[in-house]
Amino acid sequence: MPTYQYACSACGHEFEVFQAFSDDSLTACPECKGEVRKVYSAVGVVFKGSGFYKTDSAGKSSSAVIPPAAPTPPPPAPKPAATE
């Protein structure tokens, strides 16, 4: 769930709130009931888990590098039938 920052226009109180994307924005300050506005700032993005980069969140004992499989030899050619 995202965290949103708000600042009160009346008293200057700043606070953070966890809200779902579908929730309405807050309009009243919890301190003075004055009008609040959202505060936007730059956000650093961290991708964790497998599938992004080889070095992401990899432990020292991780076996992240998998050697390629050896090619499979072709099946043997059929032997000709013996005729008498």
C-alpha atoms as a PDB file:
ATOM      1  CA  MET A   1       0.000   0.000   0.000  1.00  0.00           C
ATOM      2  CA  PRO A   2       1.476   3.400  -0.927  1.00  0.00           C
ATOM      3  CA  THR A   3       2.461   6.056   1.604  1.00  0.00           C
ATOM      4  CA  TYR A   4       1.299   9.615   0.921  1.00  0.00           C
ATOM      5  CA  GLN A   5       2.689  12.772   2.515  1.00  0.00           C
ATOM      6  CA  TYR A   6       0.368  15.631   3.442  1.00  0.00           C
ATOM      7  CA  ALA A   7       0.967  19.164   4.740  1.00  0.00           C
ATOM      8  CA  CYS A   8      -1.575  21.433   6.392  1.00  0.00           C
ATOM      9  CA  SER A   9      -1.994  24.880   4.850  1.00  0.00           C
ATOM     10  CA  ALA A  10      -3.220  26.368   8.149  1.00  0.00           C
ATOM     11  CA  CYS A  11      -0.856  25.071  10.849  1.00  0.00           C
ATOM     12  CA  GLY A  12       2.018  23.589   8.770  1.00  0.00           C
ATOM     13  CA  HIS A  13       1.627  20.100  10.279  1.00  0.00           C
ATOM     14  CA  GLU A  14       3.210  17.438   8.017  1.00  0.00           C
ATOM     15  CA  PHE A  15       2.239  13.757   8.214  1.00  0.00           C
ATOM     16  CA  GLU A  16       2.233  10.496   6.256  1.00  0.00           C
ATOM     17  CA  VAL A  17      -0.716   8.174   5.613  1.00  0.00           C
ATOM     18  CA  PHE A  18      -0.901   4.637   4.166  1.00  0.00           C
ATOM     19  CA  GLN A  19      -3.719   4.644   1.609  1.00  0.00           C
ATOM     20  CA  ALA A  20      -4.913   2.341  -1.149  1.00  0.00           C
ATOM     21  CA  PHE A  21      -4.978   3.707  -4.691  1.00  0.00           C
ATOM     22  CA  SER A  22      -8.765   3.646  -4.578  1.00  0.00           C
ATOM     23  CA  ASP A  23      -9.000   5.733  -1.354  1.00  0.00           C
ATOM     24  CA  ASP A  24      -9.966   9.406  -1.589  1.00  0.00           C
ATOM     25  CA  SER A  25      -7.327  12.008  -0.703  1.00  0.00           C
ATOM     26  CA  LEU A  26      -7.497  13.527   2.772  1.00  0.00           C
ATOM     27  CA  THR A  27      -8.924  17.031   3.042  1.00  0.00           C
ATOM     28  CA  ALA A  28      -8.701  17.882   6.784  1.00  0.00           C
ATOM     29  CA  CYS A  29      -5.681  18.144   9.082  1.00  0.00           C
ATOM     30  CA  PRO A  30      -5.834  15.739  12.071  1.00  0.00           C
ATOM     31  CA  GLU A  31      -4.357  18.508  14.307  1.00  0.00           C
ATOM     32  CA  CYS A  32      -6.386  21.639  13.494  1.00  0.00           C
ATOM     33  CA  LYS A  33      -8.973  20.455  10.906  1.00  0.00           C
ATOM     34  CA  GLY A  34      -7.479  22.912   8.384  1.00  0.00           C
ATOM     35  CA  GLU A  35      -7.103  22.209   4.660  1.00  0.00           C
ATOM     36  CA  VAL A  36      -4.326  19.775   3.663  1.00  0.00           C
ATOM     37  CA  ARG A  37      -2.501  19.188   0.395  1.00  0.00           C
ATOM     38  CA  LYS A  38      -0.432  16.267  -0.876  1.00  0.00           C
ATOM     39  CA  VAL A  39       3.336  16.738  -0.880  1.00  0.00           C
ATOM     40  CA  TYR A  40       5.127  15.170  -3.840  1.00  0.00           C
ATOM     41  CA  SER A  41       8.806  14.262  -3.759  1.00  0.00           C
ATOM     42  CA  ALA A  42      11.278  12.157  -5.706  1.00  0.00           C
ATOM     43  CA  VAL A  43      11.120   8.460  -4.930  1.00  0.00           C
ATOM     44  CA  GLY A  44      13.953   5.981  -5.232  1.00  0.00           C
ATOM     45  CA  VAL A  45      12.899   2.699  -6.789  1.00  0.00           C
ATOM     46  CA  VAL A  46      14.435  -0.577  -5.648  1.00  0.00           C
ATOM     47  CA  PHE A  47      13.684  -3.762  -7.565  1.00  0.00           C
ATOM     48  CA  LYS A  48      14.113  -6.810  -5.363  1.00  0.00           C
ATOM     49  CA  GLY A  49      13.697 -10.422  -6.265  1.00  0.00           C
ATOM     50  CA  SER A  50      14.719 -12.620  -9.121  1.00  0.00           C
ATOM     51  CA  GLY A  51      14.432 -11.650 -12.743  1.00  0.00           C
ATOM     52  CA  PHE A  52      15.701  -8.066 -12.818  1.00  0.00           C
ATOM     53  CA  TYR A  53      19.492  -8.205 -12.779  1.00  0.00           C
ATOM     54  CA  LYS A  54      21.995 -10.926 -12.013  1.00  0.00           C
ATOM     55  CA  THR A  55      23.409  -8.953  -9.083  1.00  0.00           C
ATOM     56  CA  ASP A  56      20.109  -7.889  -7.454  1.00  0.00           C
ATOM     57  CA  SER A  57      19.691  -9.172  -3.916  1.00  0.00           C
ATOM     58  CA  ALA A  58      21.990 -12.082  -4.656  1.00  0.00           C
ATOM     59  CA  GLY A  59      23.522 -13.795  -1.664  1.00  0.00           C
ATOM     60  CA  LYS A  60      27.162 -14.825  -1.637  1.00  0.00           C
ATOM     61  CA  SER A  61      26.247 -18.529  -1.739  1.00  0.00           C
ATOM     62  CA  SER A  62      23.721 -18.035  -4.520  1.00  0.00           C
ATOM     63  CA  SER A  63      24.033 -20.221  -7.590  1.00  0.00           C
ATOM     64  CA  ALA A  64      22.780 -17.509  -9.927  1.00  0.00           C
ATOM     65  CA  VAL A  65      24.957 -18.612 -12.845  1.00  0.00           C
ATOM     66  CA  ILE A  66      23.734 -21.833 -14.440  1.00  0.00           C
ATOM     67  CA  PRO A  67      26.062 -23.407 -17.005  1.00  0.00           C
ATOM     68  CA  PRO A  68      24.505 -24.219 -20.386  1.00  0.00           C
ATOM     69  CA  ALA A  69      23.351 -27.788 -20.914  1.00  0.00           C
ATOM     70  CA  ALA A  70      25.544 -30.062 -23.019  1.00  0.00           C
ATOM     71  CA  PRO A  71      24.167 -30.689 -26.518  1.00  0.00           C
ATOM     72  CA  THR A  72      22.349 -33.971 -26.953  1.00  0.00           C
ATOM     73  CA  PRO A  73      23.960 -36.342 -29.449  1.00  0.00           C
ATOM     74  CA  PRO A  74      21.777 -37.387 -32.395  1.00  0.00           C
ATOM     75  CA  PRO A  75      20.140 -40.831 -32.183  1.00  0.00           C
ATOM     76  CA  PRO A  76      22.078 -43.705 -33.804  1.00  0.00           C
ATOM     77  CA  ALA A  77      21.297 -44.421 -37.445  1.00  0.00           C
ATOM     78  CA  PRO A  78      19.074 -47.475 -38.015  1.00  0.00           C
ATOM     79  CA  LYS A  79      20.932 -50.629 -38.968  1.00  0.00           C
ATOM     80  CA  PRO A  80      20.110 -52.061 -42.363  1.00  0.00           C
ATOM     81  CA  ALA A  81      18.017 -55.225 -42.260  1.00  0.00           C
ATOM     82  CA  ALA A  82      19.900 -58.429 -43.028  1.00  0.00           C
ATOM     83  CA  THR A  83      18.695 -60.060 -46.246  1.00  0.00           C
ATOM     84  CA  GLU A  84      19.392 -63.697 -47.215  1.00  0.00           C
END
